[in-house]
Amino acid sequence: MIRNQVRNWLGLAGLAMLIACGAGAQTLIDEWPGVKPPAAPVLKPAIVDPRTTALLLMDFTNQTCTTERRPRCAASVPKLVKLMNDARARNMMVIYSVPGSGATSADILKELALKAGDPVLPPLGPDKFIGSEFEKALRDRNITTLIVTGTAAHTSVLHTGGEAVLRGFKIIVPVDGMSSNDAFPELYTAWHLVNAARISDGTTLTKTDMITYGP
């Protein structure tokens, strides 16, 4: 009997120690300062077929993309202008969106102004497929690939880009065509798109000057 009691006490003592250790165990937040970021993803060249590719310009408005509000976005505009002009020169589909903050198509930056017939997706959130005819518009034009740009990167680019791949499209994401308030959301978005299961298989991470066009 004494042996059984000792065994029980030892068992209870061990359980108490496990509970105590669990209560004091580190969480992600505790570990955060010491976490080393992973190696940067490798950027790859992207060859675009203009007949089956669309350029997506998300939320580049006077409210979101200024040197005062988001200087990283403002700095990206010249490269986006060139990307847009290259796309238009090849009769590619160009699609816009505006953020859900009361903005309208009239608020899109004049440098990236839309033309008659360009679709503007409704301001319904970071996943532009939800509550819109976005996918139907792409299928109707036989679009299979999207060049995804936008601000903020960790909302529109991350969610719309990821969802596009999950719906069967390929995406090309120029890292100098997505922006946020600081570098970390952009870093996270780039890492996620090339590491997330299923999404990574349909993602090409690149730069605007690494995009070329096929026949």
N, C-alpha and C. Protein backbone atom coordinates (compact mmCIF):
# COMPACT_ATOMS: atom_id res chain seq x y z
N MET A 1 0.83 -1.21 0.00
CA MET A 1 0.00 0.00 0.00
C MET A 1 0.86 1.26 0.00
N ILE A 2 1.93 1.24 0.87
CA ILE A 2 2.83 2.40 0.94
C ILE A 2 3.46 2.67 -0.42
N ARG A 3 3.83 1.54 -1.09
CA ARG A 3 4.43 1.69 -2.42
C ARG A 3 3.45 2.36 -3.39
N ASN A 4 2.20 1.97 -3.33
CA ASN A 4 1.19 2.56 -4.20
C ASN A 4 0.99 4.05 -3.91
N GLN A 5 1.02 4.39 -2.57
CA GLN A 5 0.86 5.79 -2.21
C GLN A 5 2.01 6.63 -2.74
N VAL A 6 3.23 6.09 -2.58
CA VAL A 6 4.40 6.80 -3.10
C VAL A 6 4.28 7.01 -4.60
N ARG A 7 3.84 5.94 -5.30
CA ARG A 7 3.68 6.03 -6.75
C ARG A 7 2.66 7.10 -7.11
N ASN A 8 1.57 7.17 -6.36
CA ASN A 8 0.54 8.18 -6.62
C ASN A 8 1.07 9.59 -6.39
N TRP A 9 1.83 9.74 -5.26
CA TRP A 9 2.39 11.05 -4.96
C TRP A 9 3.35 11.50 -6.05
N LEU A 10 4.17 10.56 -6.50
CA LEU A 10 5.11 10.90 -7.56
C LEU A 10 4.38 11.30 -8.84
N GLY A 11 3.28 10.58 -9.12
CA GLY A 11 2.49 10.90 -10.31
C GLY A 11 1.88 12.28 -10.22
N LEU A 12 1.34 12.61 -9.04
CA LEU A 12 0.74 13.93 -8.84
C LEU A 12 1.80 15.03 -8.90
N ALA A 13 2.97 14.73 -8.32
CA ALA A 13 4.05 15.71 -8.36
C ALA A 13 4.49 15.98 -9.80
N GLY A 14 4.59 14.91 -10.60
CA GLY A 14 4.98 15.07 -11.99
C GLY A 14 3.95 15.88 -12.77
N LEU A 15 2.66 15.62 -12.50
CA LEU A 15 1.59 16.36 -13.18
C LEU A 15 1.66 17.83 -12.81
N ALA A 16 1.91 18.10 -11.52
CA ALA A 16 2.00 19.49 -11.08
C ALA A 16 3.16 20.21 -11.77
N MET A 17 4.27 19.49 -11.94
CA MET A 17 5.42 20.10 -12.61
C MET A 17 5.12 20.41 -14.07
N LEU A 18 4.40 19.48 -14.73
CA LEU A 18 4.04 19.71 -16.13
C LEU A 18 3.13 20.92 -16.27
N ILE A 19 2.16 21.04 -15.35
CA ILE A 19 1.24 22.18 -15.39
C ILE A 19 2.01 23.47 -15.17
N ALA A 20 2.93 23.44 -14.19
CA ALA A 20 3.72 24.64 -13.90
C ALA A 20 4.58 25.03 -15.09
N CYS A 21 5.20 24.04 -15.70
CA CYS A 21 6.04 24.32 -16.87
C CYS A 21 5.21 24.86 -18.02
N GLY A 22 4.02 24.28 -18.22
CA GLY A 22 3.15 24.75 -19.29
C GLY A 22 2.70 26.18 -19.07
N ALA A 23 2.41 26.52 -17.79
CA ALA A 23 1.96 27.88 -17.49
C ALA A 23 3.05 28.90 -17.76
N GLY A 24 4.31 28.48 -17.59
CA GLY A 24 5.41 29.42 -17.79
C GLY A 24 6.04 29.33 -19.15
N ALA A 25 5.52 28.46 -20.02
CA ALA A 25 6.13 28.27 -21.34
C ALA A 25 6.02 29.54 -22.18
N GLN A 26 7.01 29.75 -23.06
CA GLN A 26 7.01 30.93 -23.90
C GLN A 26 5.93 30.85 -24.97
N THR A 27 5.39 31.97 -25.31
CA THR A 27 4.48 32.08 -26.44
C THR A 27 5.23 32.74 -27.60
N LEU A 28 4.58 32.81 -28.72
CA LEU A 28 5.14 33.49 -29.88
C LEU A 28 5.52 34.92 -29.54
N ILE A 29 4.68 35.58 -28.74
CA ILE A 29 4.95 36.97 -28.40
C ILE A 29 6.22 37.10 -27.57
N ASP A 30 6.42 36.14 -26.66
CA ASP A 30 7.64 36.16 -25.86
C ASP A 30 8.88 35.95 -26.74
N GLU A 31 8.73 35.09 -27.74
CA GLU A 31 9.86 34.75 -28.60
C GLU A 31 10.12 35.80 -29.68
N TRP A 32 9.16 36.66 -29.91
CA TRP A 32 9.17 37.58 -31.05
C TRP A 32 10.49 38.34 -31.21
N PRO A 33 11.02 38.96 -30.14
CA PRO A 33 12.25 39.76 -30.34
C PRO A 33 13.45 38.95 -30.83
N GLY A 34 13.45 37.65 -30.55
CA GLY A 34 14.59 36.84 -30.94
C GLY A 34 14.42 36.07 -32.22
N VAL A 35 13.27 36.22 -32.88
CA VAL A 35 13.02 35.47 -34.11
C VAL A 35 13.80 36.08 -35.27
N LYS A 36 14.54 35.24 -35.95
CA LYS A 36 15.30 35.70 -37.11
C LYS A 36 14.47 35.49 -38.37
N PRO A 37 14.29 36.53 -39.18
CA PRO A 37 13.50 36.35 -40.40
C PRO A 37 14.13 35.33 -41.34
N PRO A 38 13.31 34.63 -42.12
CA PRO A 38 13.87 33.67 -43.08
C PRO A 38 14.62 34.39 -44.19
N ALA A 39 15.36 33.62 -44.94
CA ALA A 39 16.08 34.19 -46.09
C ALA A 39 15.08 34.79 -47.08
N ALA A 40 15.49 35.84 -47.73
CA ALA A 40 14.61 36.49 -48.70
C ALA A 40 14.28 35.55 -49.85
N PRO A 41 13.04 35.57 -50.35
CA PRO A 41 12.70 34.75 -51.52
C PRO A 41 13.51 35.17 -52.74
N VAL A 42 13.69 34.24 -53.64
CA VAL A 42 14.40 34.52 -54.88
C VAL A 42 13.42 35.10 -55.90
N LEU A 43 13.77 36.23 -56.47
CA LEU A 43 12.94 36.82 -57.52
C LEU A 43 13.23 36.13 -58.85
N LYS A 44 12.16 35.93 -59.63
CA LYS A 44 12.30 35.20 -60.88
C LYS A 44 11.75 36.03 -62.03
N PRO A 45 12.32 35.88 -63.21
CA PRO A 45 11.77 36.58 -64.37
C PRO A 45 10.39 36.03 -64.72
N ALA A 46 9.57 36.88 -65.30
CA ALA A 46 8.23 36.46 -65.70
C ALA A 46 7.99 36.85 -67.14
N ILE A 47 7.60 35.88 -67.95
CA ILE A 47 7.26 36.13 -69.35
C ILE A 47 5.74 36.12 -69.47
N VAL A 48 5.18 37.21 -69.93
CA VAL A 48 3.74 37.43 -69.94
C VAL A 48 3.17 37.23 -71.33
N ASP A 49 2.09 36.51 -71.41
CA ASP A 49 1.31 36.42 -72.65
C ASP A 49 0.20 37.47 -72.54
N PRO A 50 0.28 38.56 -73.30
CA PRO A 50 -0.71 39.64 -73.16
C PRO A 50 -2.14 39.19 -73.44
N ARG A 51 -2.29 38.13 -74.22
CA ARG A 51 -3.64 37.70 -74.58
C ARG A 51 -4.38 37.06 -73.42
N THR A 52 -3.64 36.51 -72.47
CA THR A 52 -4.27 35.77 -71.37
C THR A 52 -3.89 36.33 -70.00
N THR A 53 -3.35 37.55 -69.98
CA THR A 53 -2.89 38.15 -68.73
C THR A 53 -3.59 39.48 -68.51
N ALA A 54 -3.92 39.77 -67.26
CA ALA A 54 -4.50 41.06 -66.89
C ALA A 54 -3.63 41.70 -65.81
N LEU A 55 -3.59 43.02 -65.84
CA LEU A 55 -2.89 43.79 -64.81
C LEU A 55 -3.91 44.29 -63.80
N LEU A 56 -3.65 44.01 -62.54
CA LEU A 56 -4.55 44.40 -61.46
C LEU A 56 -3.88 45.50 -60.63
N LEU A 57 -4.51 46.67 -60.61
CA LEU A 57 -4.01 47.82 -59.86
C LEU A 57 -5.00 48.10 -58.72
N MET A 58 -4.61 47.73 -57.50
CA MET A 58 -5.55 47.77 -56.39
C MET A 58 -5.30 48.92 -55.43
N ASP A 59 -6.29 49.78 -55.33
CA ASP A 59 -6.42 50.76 -54.25
C ASP A 59 -5.39 51.89 -54.30
N PHE A 60 -4.94 52.24 -55.50
CA PHE A 60 -4.01 53.35 -55.64
C PHE A 60 -4.81 54.65 -55.79
N THR A 61 -5.18 55.22 -54.66
CA THR A 61 -6.04 56.40 -54.67
C THR A 61 -5.37 57.57 -53.96
N ASN A 62 -5.99 58.73 -54.09
CA ASN A 62 -5.48 59.93 -53.42
C ASN A 62 -5.54 59.80 -51.90
N GLN A 63 -6.37 58.90 -51.40
CA GLN A 63 -6.47 58.71 -49.96
C GLN A 63 -5.40 57.77 -49.41
N THR A 64 -4.91 56.86 -50.26
CA THR A 64 -4.04 55.80 -49.75
C THR A 64 -2.60 55.89 -50.22
N CYS A 65 -2.34 56.59 -51.31
CA CYS A 65 -1.02 56.51 -51.95
C CYS A 65 -0.44 57.90 -52.16
N THR A 66 -0.01 58.51 -51.06
CA THR A 66 0.63 59.82 -51.12
C THR A 66 1.89 59.78 -50.26
N THR A 67 2.75 60.77 -50.45
CA THR A 67 3.97 60.82 -49.64
C THR A 67 3.65 61.03 -48.17
N GLU A 68 2.51 61.66 -47.88
CA GLU A 68 2.12 61.88 -46.49
C GLU A 68 1.49 60.62 -45.89
N ARG A 69 0.62 59.97 -46.61
CA ARG A 69 -0.10 58.82 -46.07
C ARG A 69 0.72 57.53 -46.14
N ARG A 70 1.33 57.27 -47.29
CA ARG A 70 2.06 56.02 -47.47
C ARG A 70 3.19 56.27 -48.46
N PRO A 71 4.31 56.80 -47.97
CA PRO A 71 5.42 57.17 -48.88
C PRO A 71 5.97 56.00 -49.68
N ARG A 72 5.90 54.79 -49.13
CA ARG A 72 6.40 53.64 -49.88
C ARG A 72 5.54 53.40 -51.12
N CYS A 73 4.27 53.70 -51.02
CA CYS A 73 3.38 53.57 -52.18
C CYS A 73 3.70 54.66 -53.21
N ALA A 74 3.83 55.89 -52.72
CA ALA A 74 4.13 56.99 -53.64
C ALA A 74 5.41 56.73 -54.42
N ALA A 75 6.39 56.13 -53.75
CA ALA A 75 7.67 55.85 -54.42
C ALA A 75 7.54 54.79 -55.50
N SER A 76 6.51 53.95 -55.41
CA SER A 76 6.33 52.87 -56.39
C SER A 76 5.60 53.31 -57.64
N VAL A 77 4.99 54.50 -57.61
CA VAL A 77 4.11 54.91 -58.71
C VAL A 77 4.82 54.97 -60.06
N PRO A 78 6.01 55.55 -60.19
CA PRO A 78 6.64 55.59 -61.52
C PRO A 78 6.81 54.21 -62.16
N LYS A 79 7.17 53.21 -61.37
CA LYS A 79 7.32 51.86 -61.92
C LYS A 79 5.96 51.29 -62.31
N LEU A 80 4.94 51.61 -61.54
CA LEU A 80 3.60 51.14 -61.88
C LEU A 80 3.08 51.80 -63.15
N VAL A 81 3.42 53.06 -63.34
CA VAL A 81 3.02 53.77 -64.56
C VAL A 81 3.62 53.07 -65.78
N LYS A 82 4.90 52.74 -65.70
CA LYS A 82 5.54 52.04 -66.81
C LYS A 82 4.89 50.68 -67.04
N LEU A 83 4.61 49.95 -65.95
CA LEU A 83 3.97 48.64 -66.06
C LEU A 83 2.61 48.77 -66.73
N MET A 84 1.84 49.77 -66.32
CA MET A 84 0.53 50.00 -66.90
C MET A 84 0.64 50.37 -68.38
N ASN A 85 1.55 51.26 -68.72
CA ASN A 85 1.71 51.68 -70.12
C ASN A 85 2.14 50.51 -71.00
N ASP A 86 3.04 49.67 -70.48
CA ASP A 86 3.45 48.48 -71.23
C ASP A 86 2.26 47.56 -71.47
N ALA A 87 1.42 47.40 -70.46
CA ALA A 87 0.25 46.54 -70.60
C ALA A 87 -0.73 47.12 -71.63
N ARG A 88 -0.97 48.40 -71.54
CA ARG A 88 -1.92 49.02 -72.48
C ARG A 88 -1.39 48.96 -73.91
N ALA A 89 -0.08 49.10 -74.08
CA ALA A 89 0.50 49.05 -75.41
C ALA A 89 0.29 47.69 -76.06
N ARG A 90 0.03 46.68 -75.23
CA ARG A 90 -0.18 45.32 -75.74
C ARG A 90 -1.65 44.90 -75.63
N ASN A 91 -2.52 45.89 -75.43
CA ASN A 91 -3.97 45.65 -75.35
C ASN A 91 -4.34 44.67 -74.25
N MET A 92 -3.57 44.69 -73.16
CA MET A 92 -3.90 43.83 -72.03
C MET A 92 -5.07 44.41 -71.25
N MET A 93 -5.78 43.53 -70.58
CA MET A 93 -6.85 43.95 -69.69
C MET A 93 -6.24 44.60 -68.45
N VAL A 94 -6.73 45.79 -68.09
CA VAL A 94 -6.28 46.49 -66.89
C VAL A 94 -7.49 46.66 -65.97
N ILE A 95 -7.33 46.22 -64.73
CA ILE A 95 -8.44 46.21 -63.77
C ILE A 95 -8.03 47.01 -62.54
N TYR A 96 -8.97 47.79 -62.03
CA TYR A 96 -8.71 48.63 -60.87
C TYR A 96 -9.61 48.20 -59.70
N SER A 97 -9.20 48.66 -58.51
CA SER A 97 -10.11 48.60 -57.37
C SER A 97 -9.88 49.84 -56.53
N VAL A 98 -10.87 50.17 -55.72
CA VAL A 98 -10.75 51.27 -54.76
C VAL A 98 -11.02 50.71 -53.37
N PRO A 99 -10.37 51.28 -52.34
CA PRO A 99 -10.54 50.75 -50.99
C PRO A 99 -11.90 51.11 -50.40
N GLY A 100 -12.26 50.38 -49.38
CA GLY A 100 -13.55 50.58 -48.74
C GLY A 100 -13.55 51.73 -47.76
N SER A 101 -13.15 52.90 -48.18
CA SER A 101 -13.09 54.06 -47.28
C SER A 101 -13.82 55.25 -47.89
N GLY A 102 -14.82 54.95 -48.72
CA GLY A 102 -15.56 56.02 -49.36
C GLY A 102 -14.97 56.48 -50.67
N ALA A 103 -13.88 55.87 -51.10
CA ALA A 103 -13.24 56.27 -52.35
C ALA A 103 -14.05 55.80 -53.54
N THR A 104 -13.92 56.51 -54.65
CA THR A 104 -14.55 56.14 -55.90
C THR A 104 -13.49 56.12 -57.00
N SER A 105 -13.90 55.75 -58.19
CA SER A 105 -12.94 55.70 -59.30
C SER A 105 -12.34 57.08 -59.59
N ALA A 106 -13.05 58.14 -59.20
CA ALA A 106 -12.53 59.49 -59.41
C ALA A 106 -11.32 59.77 -58.53
N ASP A 107 -11.14 58.95 -57.49
CA ASP A 107 -10.02 59.15 -56.56
C ASP A 107 -8.76 58.40 -56.97
N ILE A 108 -8.82 57.59 -58.03
CA ILE A 108 -7.63 56.88 -58.48
C ILE A 108 -6.57 57.89 -58.92
N LEU A 109 -5.32 57.62 -58.57
CA LEU A 109 -4.23 58.54 -58.90
C LEU A 109 -4.26 58.91 -60.39
N LYS A 110 -4.06 60.18 -60.67
CA LYS A 110 -4.13 60.62 -62.06
C LYS A 110 -3.05 59.97 -62.91
N GLU A 111 -1.91 59.64 -62.29
CA GLU A 111 -0.84 58.98 -63.04
C GLU A 111 -1.24 57.58 -63.51
N LEU A 112 -2.18 56.98 -62.76
CA LEU A 112 -2.65 55.63 -63.08
C LEU A 112 -4.10 55.64 -63.52
N ALA A 113 -4.52 56.72 -64.11
CA ALA A 113 -5.93 56.91 -64.43
C ALA A 113 -6.47 55.81 -65.33
N LEU A 114 -7.70 55.41 -65.03
CA LEU A 114 -8.33 54.38 -65.86
C LEU A 114 -8.83 54.98 -67.16
N LYS A 115 -9.08 54.10 -68.11
CA LYS A 115 -9.65 54.48 -69.39
C LYS A 115 -11.06 53.91 -69.50
N ALA A 116 -11.80 54.44 -70.43
CA ALA A 116 -13.16 53.96 -70.63
C ALA A 116 -13.16 52.46 -70.86
N GLY A 117 -14.00 51.76 -70.15
CA GLY A 117 -14.10 50.31 -70.30
C GLY A 117 -13.29 49.52 -69.30
N ASP A 118 -12.36 50.18 -68.58
CA ASP A 118 -11.58 49.47 -67.57
C ASP A 118 -12.49 49.11 -66.39
N PRO A 119 -12.52 47.85 -65.97
CA PRO A 119 -13.34 47.48 -64.81
C PRO A 119 -12.78 48.09 -63.52
N VAL A 120 -13.69 48.50 -62.64
CA VAL A 120 -13.32 48.97 -61.30
C VAL A 120 -14.08 48.10 -60.30
N LEU A 121 -13.35 47.35 -59.52
CA LEU A 121 -13.98 46.44 -58.57
C LEU A 121 -14.55 47.21 -57.38
N PRO A 122 -15.67 46.75 -56.84
CA PRO A 122 -16.32 47.48 -55.73
C PRO A 122 -15.49 47.41 -54.45
N PRO A 123 -15.63 48.42 -53.59
CA PRO A 123 -14.85 48.47 -52.35
C PRO A 123 -15.44 47.58 -51.26
N LEU A 124 -15.26 46.27 -51.42
CA LEU A 124 -15.91 45.32 -50.51
C LEU A 124 -14.93 44.57 -49.62
N GLY A 125 -13.66 44.97 -49.62
CA GLY A 125 -12.72 44.30 -48.74
C GLY A 125 -11.45 43.89 -49.45
N PRO A 126 -10.53 43.24 -48.73
CA PRO A 126 -9.23 42.91 -49.30
C PRO A 126 -9.24 41.78 -50.31
N ASP A 127 -10.24 40.90 -50.27
CA ASP A 127 -10.37 39.84 -51.26
C ASP A 127 -11.33 40.33 -52.33
N LYS A 128 -10.79 40.73 -53.47
CA LYS A 128 -11.60 41.37 -54.50
C LYS A 128 -12.54 40.41 -55.22
N PHE A 129 -12.41 39.11 -54.95
CA PHE A 129 -13.32 38.15 -55.56
C PHE A 129 -14.67 38.12 -54.85
N ILE A 130 -14.67 38.48 -53.58
CA ILE A 130 -15.89 38.38 -52.78
C ILE A 130 -16.86 39.50 -53.14
N GLY A 131 -18.10 39.13 -53.45
CA GLY A 131 -19.15 40.11 -53.71
C GLY A 131 -19.00 40.87 -55.01
N SER A 132 -18.23 40.32 -55.97
CA SER A 132 -18.03 41.03 -57.23
C SER A 132 -18.12 40.05 -58.39
N GLU A 133 -18.08 40.60 -59.59
CA GLU A 133 -18.08 39.81 -60.81
C GLU A 133 -16.66 39.64 -61.35
N PHE A 134 -15.70 39.76 -60.45
CA PHE A 134 -14.29 39.74 -60.85
C PHE A 134 -13.93 38.46 -61.59
N GLU A 135 -14.22 37.33 -61.00
CA GLU A 135 -13.84 36.07 -61.64
C GLU A 135 -14.54 35.89 -62.98
N LYS A 136 -15.80 36.25 -63.06
CA LYS A 136 -16.54 36.12 -64.32
C LYS A 136 -15.91 37.00 -65.40
N ALA A 137 -15.51 38.22 -65.02
CA ALA A 137 -14.89 39.12 -65.99
C ALA A 137 -13.60 38.52 -66.53
N LEU A 138 -12.84 37.87 -65.65
CA LEU A 138 -11.59 37.24 -66.09
C LEU A 138 -11.87 36.05 -67.01
N ARG A 139 -12.80 35.20 -66.61
CA ARG A 139 -13.12 34.02 -67.42
C ARG A 139 -13.67 34.44 -68.78
N ASP A 140 -14.47 35.49 -68.82
CA ASP A 140 -15.05 35.95 -70.08
C ASP A 140 -13.98 36.41 -71.07
N ARG A 141 -12.85 36.88 -70.54
CA ARG A 141 -11.75 37.34 -71.40
C ARG A 141 -10.66 36.29 -71.56
N ASN A 142 -10.92 35.07 -71.05
CA ASN A 142 -9.94 33.97 -71.12
C ASN A 142 -8.62 34.33 -70.42
N ILE A 143 -8.74 35.08 -69.35
CA ILE A 143 -7.57 35.44 -68.56
C ILE A 143 -7.17 34.26 -67.66
N THR A 144 -5.91 33.91 -67.69
CA THR A 144 -5.42 32.83 -66.84
C THR A 144 -4.35 33.30 -65.84
N THR A 145 -3.83 34.51 -66.07
CA THR A 145 -2.74 35.02 -65.24
C THR A 145 -3.03 36.47 -64.84
N LEU A 146 -2.72 36.80 -63.59
CA LEU A 146 -2.87 38.17 -63.11
C LEU A 146 -1.51 38.72 -62.66
N ILE A 147 -1.20 39.93 -63.11
CA ILE A 147 -0.10 40.67 -62.50
C ILE A 147 -0.72 41.46 -61.35
N VAL A 148 -0.34 41.11 -60.13
CA VAL A 148 -1.01 41.64 -58.95
C VAL A 148 -0.17 42.75 -58.32
N THR A 149 -0.74 43.95 -58.27
CA THR A 149 -0.10 45.07 -57.58
C THR A 149 -1.12 45.71 -56.67
N GLY A 150 -0.66 46.44 -55.66
CA GLY A 150 -1.62 47.07 -54.78
C GLY A 150 -1.01 47.63 -53.51
N THR A 151 -1.83 48.38 -52.81
CA THR A 151 -1.51 48.89 -51.49
C THR A 151 -2.79 48.81 -50.66
N ALA A 152 -2.75 48.24 -49.45
CA ALA A 152 -1.59 47.75 -48.74
C ALA A 152 -1.33 46.27 -49.08
N ALA A 153 -0.04 45.93 -49.09
CA ALA A 153 0.36 44.60 -49.55
C ALA A 153 -0.30 43.48 -48.76
N HIS A 154 -0.35 43.63 -47.43
CA HIS A 154 -0.80 42.54 -46.56
C HIS A 154 -2.32 42.39 -46.54
N THR A 155 -3.02 43.23 -47.27
CA THR A 155 -4.47 43.07 -47.39
C THR A 155 -4.82 42.67 -48.83
N SER A 156 -4.88 43.64 -49.72
CA SER A 156 -5.35 43.35 -51.08
C SER A 156 -4.44 42.40 -51.84
N VAL A 157 -3.13 42.64 -51.81
CA VAL A 157 -2.23 41.78 -52.57
C VAL A 157 -2.22 40.37 -52.00
N LEU A 158 -2.12 40.26 -50.69
CA LEU A 158 -2.07 38.95 -50.06
C LEU A 158 -3.35 38.17 -50.29
N HIS A 159 -4.48 38.77 -49.99
CA HIS A 159 -5.74 38.02 -50.03
C HIS A 159 -6.27 37.82 -51.45
N THR A 160 -6.21 38.84 -52.27
CA THR A 160 -6.68 38.68 -53.65
C THR A 160 -5.73 37.80 -54.44
N GLY A 161 -4.43 37.99 -54.25
CA GLY A 161 -3.47 37.16 -54.96
C GLY A 161 -3.59 35.70 -54.56
N GLY A 162 -3.64 35.44 -53.26
CA GLY A 162 -3.78 34.07 -52.79
C GLY A 162 -5.07 33.43 -53.28
N GLU A 163 -6.16 34.17 -53.22
CA GLU A 163 -7.44 33.63 -53.65
C GLU A 163 -7.45 33.36 -55.15
N ALA A 164 -6.77 34.20 -55.92
CA ALA A 164 -6.70 33.97 -57.36
C ALA A 164 -6.09 32.61 -57.66
N VAL A 165 -4.99 32.28 -56.97
CA VAL A 165 -4.36 30.99 -57.20
C VAL A 165 -5.27 29.86 -56.77
N LEU A 166 -5.94 30.02 -55.64
CA LEU A 166 -6.85 28.97 -55.17
C LEU A 166 -8.02 28.77 -56.14
N ARG A 167 -8.34 29.77 -56.93
CA ARG A 167 -9.41 29.66 -57.94
C ARG A 167 -8.89 29.20 -59.29
N GLY A 168 -7.59 28.89 -59.36
CA GLY A 168 -7.05 28.31 -60.58
C GLY A 168 -6.27 29.23 -61.48
N PHE A 169 -6.08 30.49 -61.07
CA PHE A 169 -5.28 31.42 -61.86
C PHE A 169 -3.81 31.36 -61.43
N LYS A 170 -2.92 31.86 -62.28
CA LYS A 170 -1.54 32.09 -61.93
C LYS A 170 -1.38 33.56 -61.58
N ILE A 171 -0.46 33.86 -60.68
CA ILE A 171 -0.21 35.26 -60.37
C ILE A 171 1.26 35.61 -60.52
N ILE A 172 1.51 36.82 -60.97
CA ILE A 172 2.84 37.41 -61.04
C ILE A 172 2.82 38.61 -60.11
N VAL A 173 3.71 38.62 -59.13
CA VAL A 173 3.69 39.67 -58.11
C VAL A 173 5.02 40.42 -58.11
N PRO A 174 5.07 41.62 -58.69
CA PRO A 174 6.30 42.42 -58.62
C PRO A 174 6.41 43.06 -57.23
N VAL A 175 7.51 42.77 -56.54
CA VAL A 175 7.63 43.27 -55.16
C VAL A 175 7.74 44.79 -55.11
N ASP A 176 8.16 45.41 -56.20
CA ASP A 176 8.21 46.88 -56.23
C ASP A 176 6.90 47.48 -56.72
N GLY A 177 5.88 46.65 -56.82
CA GLY A 177 4.55 47.13 -57.19
C GLY A 177 3.54 46.91 -56.09
N MET A 178 4.01 46.48 -54.91
CA MET A 178 3.12 46.36 -53.75
C MET A 178 3.75 47.14 -52.61
N SER A 179 2.92 47.76 -51.80
CA SER A 179 3.46 48.63 -50.77
C SER A 179 2.60 48.58 -49.52
N SER A 180 3.18 49.08 -48.44
CA SER A 180 2.45 49.19 -47.18
C SER A 180 3.03 50.36 -46.40
N ASN A 181 2.66 50.45 -45.12
CA ASN A 181 3.16 51.56 -44.31
C ASN A 181 4.65 51.42 -44.01
N ASP A 182 5.13 50.20 -43.92
CA ASP A 182 6.55 49.95 -43.70
C ASP A 182 6.91 48.63 -44.37
N ALA A 183 8.17 48.21 -44.22
CA ALA A 183 8.67 47.07 -44.98
C ALA A 183 8.12 45.74 -44.51
N PHE A 184 7.83 45.60 -43.21
CA PHE A 184 7.49 44.27 -42.70
C PHE A 184 6.25 43.66 -43.37
N PRO A 185 5.12 44.38 -43.52
CA PRO A 185 3.97 43.77 -44.19
C PRO A 185 4.29 43.33 -45.62
N GLU A 186 5.15 44.07 -46.30
CA GLU A 186 5.54 43.67 -47.65
C GLU A 186 6.38 42.40 -47.61
N LEU A 187 7.31 42.37 -46.65
CA LEU A 187 8.15 41.18 -46.47
C LEU A 187 7.29 39.96 -46.18
N TYR A 188 6.35 40.11 -45.25
CA TYR A 188 5.50 38.97 -44.89
C TYR A 188 4.68 38.51 -46.09
N THR A 189 4.11 39.47 -46.85
CA THR A 189 3.29 39.11 -48.00
C THR A 189 4.10 38.32 -49.02
N ALA A 190 5.30 38.81 -49.32
CA ALA A 190 6.17 38.11 -50.28
C ALA A 190 6.47 36.70 -49.78
N TRP A 191 6.83 36.56 -48.51
CA TRP A 191 7.15 35.25 -47.95
C TRP A 191 5.96 34.32 -48.00
N HIS A 192 4.81 34.82 -47.63
CA HIS A 192 3.60 33.98 -47.59
C HIS A 192 3.25 33.45 -48.98
N LEU A 193 3.26 34.33 -49.96
CA LEU A 193 2.82 33.92 -51.30
C LEU A 193 3.71 32.84 -51.90
N VAL A 194 4.99 32.82 -51.55
CA VAL A 194 5.87 31.81 -52.13
C VAL A 194 6.11 30.62 -51.19
N ASN A 195 5.42 30.61 -50.04
CA ASN A 195 5.59 29.49 -49.11
C ASN A 195 4.28 28.79 -48.74
N ALA A 196 3.16 29.45 -48.89
CA ALA A 196 1.88 28.85 -48.50
C ALA A 196 1.52 27.69 -49.42
N ALA A 197 1.03 26.62 -48.83
CA ALA A 197 0.63 25.44 -49.61
C ALA A 197 -0.38 25.83 -50.67
N ARG A 198 -0.22 25.25 -51.87
CA ARG A 198 -1.06 25.47 -53.05
C ARG A 198 -0.84 26.84 -53.66
N ILE A 199 -0.77 27.88 -52.83
CA ILE A 199 -0.58 29.24 -53.36
C ILE A 199 0.81 29.39 -53.98
N SER A 200 1.81 28.82 -53.34
CA SER A 200 3.18 28.98 -53.84
C SER A 200 3.34 28.41 -55.24
N ASP A 201 2.61 27.34 -55.55
CA ASP A 201 2.75 26.71 -56.87
C ASP A 201 2.30 27.60 -58.00
N GLY A 202 1.43 28.56 -57.71
CA GLY A 202 0.90 29.42 -58.77
C GLY A 202 1.43 30.84 -58.73
N THR A 203 2.48 31.07 -57.92
CA THR A 203 2.99 32.43 -57.72
C THR A 203 4.39 32.59 -58.30
N THR A 204 4.59 33.67 -59.05
CA THR A 204 5.92 34.09 -59.48
C THR A 204 6.21 35.43 -58.84
N LEU A 205 7.21 35.46 -57.97
CA LEU A 205 7.62 36.70 -57.32
C LEU A 205 8.72 37.33 -58.17
N THR A 206 8.56 38.61 -58.48
CA THR A 206 9.47 39.22 -59.45
C THR A 206 9.62 40.71 -59.17
N LYS A 207 10.19 41.45 -60.12
CA LYS A 207 10.24 42.92 -60.10
C LYS A 207 9.65 43.41 -61.42
N THR A 208 9.27 44.68 -61.43
CA THR A 208 8.65 45.21 -62.64
C THR A 208 9.59 45.13 -63.84
N ASP A 209 10.90 45.32 -63.61
CA ASP A 209 11.82 45.29 -64.75
C ASP A 209 12.26 43.88 -65.11
N MET A 210 11.70 42.87 -64.44
CA MET A 210 11.97 41.48 -64.79
C MET A 210 10.78 40.86 -65.53
N ILE A 211 9.78 41.70 -65.83
CA ILE A 211 8.60 41.23 -66.58
C ILE A 211 8.82 41.55 -68.06
N THR A 212 8.73 40.52 -68.89
CA THR A 212 8.82 40.68 -70.33
C THR A 212 7.57 40.09 -70.97
N TYR A 213 7.40 40.35 -72.25
CA TYR A 213 6.15 40.00 -72.93
C TYR A 213 6.43 39.09 -74.12
N GLY A 214 5.61 38.05 -74.20
CA GLY A 214 5.70 37.13 -75.31
C GLY A 214 4.90 37.64 -76.50
N PRO A 215 4.77 36.83 -77.53
CA PRO A 215 4.07 37.26 -78.74
C PRO A 215 2.58 37.45 -78.48
